[in-house]
Amino acid sequence: MQGVIKAYDPGTRDGVVVRESDFAEFDLAEDALEGSIFRMLRPGQRVLFELDGDGRATGLSIGSEVDMGTPDIH
């Protein structure tokens, strides 16, 4: 799934990601950043993610405008 980070607290590693297709919000799972290049997230950052069995965002990876299907404006 494709989304954008809405909020992230590096101290607690709690955060929220908004799915771009329908603006649904998902809390980050405790292991959301495990195996990822991310050490910190910033609001507005584009990400790709999956949902775990509890409906929390996990498996975050870098999202880009190409990944998100954003039209090329060049």
Protein backbone atom coordinates (compact mmCIF):
# COMPACT_ATOMS: atom_id res chain seq x y z
CA MET A 1 0.00 0.00 0.00
CA GLN A 2 1.05 3.58 -0.52
CA GLY A 3 0.82 6.27 2.09
CA VAL A 4 2.18 9.31 3.83
CA ILE A 5 3.43 9.66 7.40
CA LYS A 6 1.02 11.81 9.38
CA ALA A 7 2.88 11.75 12.70
CA TYR A 8 5.88 10.04 14.27
CA ASP A 9 7.47 10.21 17.73
CA PRO A 10 11.07 8.92 17.59
CA GLY A 11 11.16 8.50 21.38
CA THR A 12 8.25 6.09 21.57
CA ARG A 13 8.33 5.02 17.89
CA ASP A 14 4.57 5.60 17.79
CA GLY A 15 3.16 7.03 14.60
CA VAL A 16 0.36 7.19 12.09
CA VAL A 17 0.41 6.60 8.33
CA VAL A 18 -2.39 7.72 6.00
CA ARG A 19 -3.22 5.47 3.05
CA GLU A 20 -3.32 7.62 -0.08
CA SER A 21 -6.11 5.72 -1.84
CA ASP A 22 -8.80 6.51 0.75
CA PHE A 23 -7.08 8.58 3.50
CA ALA A 24 -7.59 5.80 6.06
CA GLU A 25 -5.25 6.14 9.05
CA PHE A 26 -3.24 3.30 10.54
CA ASP A 27 -1.08 3.20 13.66
CA LEU A 28 2.46 1.98 13.18
CA ALA A 29 3.16 -1.53 14.43
CA GLU A 30 5.97 -1.92 16.98
CA ASP A 31 8.12 -3.61 14.32
CA ALA A 32 7.20 -1.20 11.49
CA LEU A 33 10.80 -0.10 10.93
CA GLU A 34 12.53 -3.47 11.43
CA GLY A 35 14.53 -4.45 8.38
CA SER A 36 13.99 -1.00 6.93
CA ILE A 37 16.51 1.71 6.09
CA PHE A 38 14.44 4.11 8.17
CA ARG A 39 15.71 5.23 11.55
CA MET A 40 13.26 8.11 11.77
CA LEU A 41 10.18 9.25 9.89
CA ARG A 42 8.98 12.76 9.15
CA PRO A 43 5.44 13.98 8.54
CA GLY A 44 4.67 14.08 4.82
CA GLN A 45 7.21 11.37 4.00
CA ARG A 46 5.94 8.96 1.33
CA VAL A 47 6.11 5.28 2.25
CA LEU A 48 5.03 1.88 1.07
CA PHE A 49 3.61 -0.36 3.79
CA GLU A 50 1.66 -3.50 4.62
CA LEU A 51 -0.89 -4.18 7.32
CA ASP A 52 -0.27 -6.73 10.04
CA GLY A 53 -2.94 -9.03 11.49
CA ASP A 54 -4.05 -6.28 13.88
CA GLY A 55 -4.52 -3.68 11.12
CA ARG A 56 -1.35 -1.75 11.97
CA ALA A 57 1.13 -0.46 9.39
CA THR A 58 4.32 -2.50 9.12
CA GLY A 59 7.09 -3.31 6.65
CA LEU A 60 7.72 0.31 5.75
CA SER A 61 9.88 1.06 2.74
CA ILE A 62 10.66 4.17 0.75
CA GLY A 63 7.89 5.49 -1.42
CA SER A 64 8.56 7.85 -4.29
CA GLU A 65 6.48 9.81 -6.73
CA VAL A 66 7.07 7.06 -9.28
CA ASP A 67 5.86 4.41 -6.79
CA MET A 68 2.82 6.51 -5.99
CA GLY A 69 1.81 6.89 -9.62
CA THR A 70 2.21 10.66 -9.51
CA PRO A 71 2.10 12.06 -13.05
CA ASP A 72 5.38 13.24 -14.55
CA ILE A 73 5.22 17.02 -14.90
CA HIS A 74 8.47 17.55 -16.82
